[in-house]
Amino acid sequence: AAAAAEGKGRPESYLLLFNVGKRQNFGTLLRSACAFGVSEVLVVGAKKLATFGNQGTAGFTPERHIETLEAAKEHCKSRDIRI
């Protein structure tokens, strides 16, 4: 669902995280998501995130936890999010 079509002026963007090698990288990825204006972070599999390195940005980008990659694909499809 593009925000431009809703009159917001720019398309929405999403970050899909799966199988991140180092736990501390989650914080860095969340910080980058915030800097780039990501609309939502989709986290596959992980129940808890180590947000070390987020520099206080973890609460600014909504996160959605999804059990499997297949479920993430279906979630994106249902919201017209292109992968």
C-alpha atoms as a PDB file:
ATOM      1  CA  ALA A   1       0.000   0.000   0.000  1.00  0.00           C
ATOM      2  CA  ALA A   2       1.815   3.057  -1.183  1.00  0.00           C
ATOM      3  CA  ALA A   3       1.455   6.154   0.932  1.00  0.00           C
ATOM      4  CA  ALA A   4       1.677   8.259  -2.224  1.00  0.00           C
ATOM      5  CA  ALA A   5      -1.647   6.807  -3.307  1.00  0.00           C
ATOM      6  CA  GLU A   6      -3.090   7.880   0.039  1.00  0.00           C
ATOM      7  CA  GLY A   7      -1.901  11.448  -0.444  1.00  0.00           C
ATOM      8  CA  LYS A   8       1.060  11.305   1.950  1.00  0.00           C
ATOM      9  CA  GLY A   9       3.558  12.143  -0.789  1.00  0.00           C
ATOM     10  CA  ARG A  10       5.986   9.242  -0.517  1.00  0.00           C
ATOM     11  CA  PRO A  11       5.710   5.471  -0.648  1.00  0.00           C
ATOM     12  CA  GLU A  12       5.876   3.423   2.514  1.00  0.00           C
ATOM     13  CA  SER A  13       8.917   1.229   3.046  1.00  0.00           C
ATOM     14  CA  TYR A  14       9.384  -1.875   5.161  1.00  0.00           C
ATOM     15  CA  LEU A  15      12.367  -3.733   6.575  1.00  0.00           C
ATOM     16  CA  LEU A  16      12.085  -7.516   6.800  1.00  0.00           C
ATOM     17  CA  LEU A  17      14.553  -9.095   9.229  1.00  0.00           C
ATOM     18  CA  PHE A  18      15.238 -12.819   9.230  1.00  0.00           C
ATOM     19  CA  ASN A  19      18.191 -14.851  10.453  1.00  0.00           C
ATOM     20  CA  VAL A  20      20.318 -11.876  11.520  1.00  0.00           C
ATOM     21  CA  GLY A  21      23.726 -13.370  12.354  1.00  0.00           C
ATOM     22  CA  LYS A  22      24.662 -11.264  15.373  1.00  0.00           C
ATOM     23  CA  ARG A  23      22.108 -10.206  17.955  1.00  0.00           C
ATOM     24  CA  GLN A  24      23.694  -6.771  18.347  1.00  0.00           C
ATOM     25  CA  ASN A  25      23.058  -6.078  14.666  1.00  0.00           C
ATOM     26  CA  PHE A  26      19.321  -5.730  15.378  1.00  0.00           C
ATOM     27  CA  GLY A  27      19.943  -2.409  17.139  1.00  0.00           C
ATOM     28  CA  THR A  28      22.017  -1.091  14.276  1.00  0.00           C
ATOM     29  CA  LEU A  29      19.378  -2.191  11.757  1.00  0.00           C
ATOM     30  CA  LEU A  30      16.629  -0.517  13.813  1.00  0.00           C
ATOM     31  CA  ARG A  31      18.660   2.704  13.916  1.00  0.00           C
ATOM     32  CA  SER A  32      19.078   2.593  10.137  1.00  0.00           C
ATOM     33  CA  ALA A  33      15.360   1.872   9.662  1.00  0.00           C
ATOM     34  CA  CYS A  34      14.529   4.970  11.678  1.00  0.00           C
ATOM     35  CA  ALA A  35      17.013   7.105   9.728  1.00  0.00           C
ATOM     36  CA  PHE A  36      15.549   5.998   6.392  1.00  0.00           C
ATOM     37  CA  GLY A  37      11.943   6.516   7.489  1.00  0.00           C
ATOM     38  CA  VAL A  38      10.916   2.859   7.378  1.00  0.00           C
ATOM     39  CA  SER A  39       7.188   2.503   8.063  1.00  0.00           C
ATOM     40  CA  GLU A  40       7.413  -0.837   9.856  1.00  0.00           C
ATOM     41  CA  VAL A  41      10.017  -3.473  10.710  1.00  0.00           C
ATOM     42  CA  LEU A  42       8.860  -7.047  10.144  1.00  0.00           C
ATOM     43  CA  VAL A  43      10.826  -9.465  12.334  1.00  0.00           C
ATOM     44  CA  VAL A  44      10.573 -13.129  11.364  1.00  0.00           C
ATOM     45  CA  GLY A  45      11.095 -15.769  14.024  1.00  0.00           C
ATOM     46  CA  ALA A  46      12.791 -13.793  16.803  1.00  0.00           C
ATOM     47  CA  LYS A  47      10.624 -13.162  19.860  1.00  0.00           C
ATOM     48  CA  LYS A  48      13.062 -10.821  21.585  1.00  0.00           C
ATOM     49  CA  LEU A  49      15.358  -8.308  19.997  1.00  0.00           C
ATOM     50  CA  ALA A  50      18.640  -7.124  21.454  1.00  0.00           C
ATOM     51  CA  THR A  51      18.475  -3.427  20.673  1.00  0.00           C
ATOM     52  CA  PHE A  52      22.081  -2.664  21.616  1.00  0.00           C
ATOM     53  CA  GLY A  53      23.352   0.016  19.244  1.00  0.00           C
ATOM     54  CA  ASN A  54      19.976   1.572  18.450  1.00  0.00           C
ATOM     55  CA  GLN A  55      21.016   4.892  20.046  1.00  0.00           C
ATOM     56  CA  GLY A  56      17.492   5.519  21.378  1.00  0.00           C
ATOM     57  CA  THR A  57      15.677   4.961  18.086  1.00  0.00           C
ATOM     58  CA  ALA A  58      14.059   1.566  18.823  1.00  0.00           C
ATOM     59  CA  GLY A  59      10.687   3.064  19.798  1.00  0.00           C
ATOM     60  CA  PHE A  60      10.303   5.236  16.694  1.00  0.00           C
ATOM     61  CA  THR A  61       9.680   2.514  14.115  1.00  0.00           C
ATOM     62  CA  PRO A  62       6.856   0.023  14.736  1.00  0.00           C
ATOM     63  CA  GLU A  63       7.859  -3.639  14.837  1.00  0.00           C
ATOM     64  CA  ARG A  64       5.707  -6.625  13.932  1.00  0.00           C
ATOM     65  CA  HIS A  65       6.776 -10.124  14.939  1.00  0.00           C
ATOM     66  CA  ILE A  66       5.884 -12.880  12.481  1.00  0.00           C
ATOM     67  CA  GLU A  67       6.511 -16.598  13.065  1.00  0.00           C
ATOM     68  CA  THR A  68       7.666 -17.786   9.618  1.00  0.00           C
ATOM     69  CA  LEU A  69       8.819 -16.454   6.261  1.00  0.00           C
ATOM     70  CA  GLU A  70       5.674 -17.897   4.672  1.00  0.00           C
ATOM     71  CA  ALA A  71       3.518 -15.951   7.169  1.00  0.00           C
ATOM     72  CA  ALA A  72       5.551 -12.807   6.410  1.00  0.00           C
ATOM     73  CA  LYS A  73       4.934 -13.311   2.705  1.00  0.00           C
ATOM     74  CA  GLU A  74       1.193 -13.660   3.301  1.00  0.00           C
ATOM     75  CA  HIS A  75       1.168 -10.582   5.561  1.00  0.00           C
ATOM     76  CA  CYS A  76       2.888  -8.518   2.870  1.00  0.00           C
ATOM     77  CA  LYS A  77       0.593  -9.846   0.157  1.00  0.00           C
ATOM     78  CA  SER A  78      -2.513  -8.986   2.198  1.00  0.00           C
ATOM     79  CA  ARG A  79      -1.307  -5.382   2.564  1.00  0.00           C
ATOM     80  CA  ASP A  80      -0.145  -5.004  -1.062  1.00  0.00           C
ATOM     81  CA  ILE A  81       3.494  -4.758   0.031  1.00  0.00           C
ATOM     82  CA  ARG A  82       5.854  -5.756  -2.767  1.00  0.00           C
ATOM     83  CA  ILE A  83       8.818  -7.902  -1.828  1.00  0.00           C
END
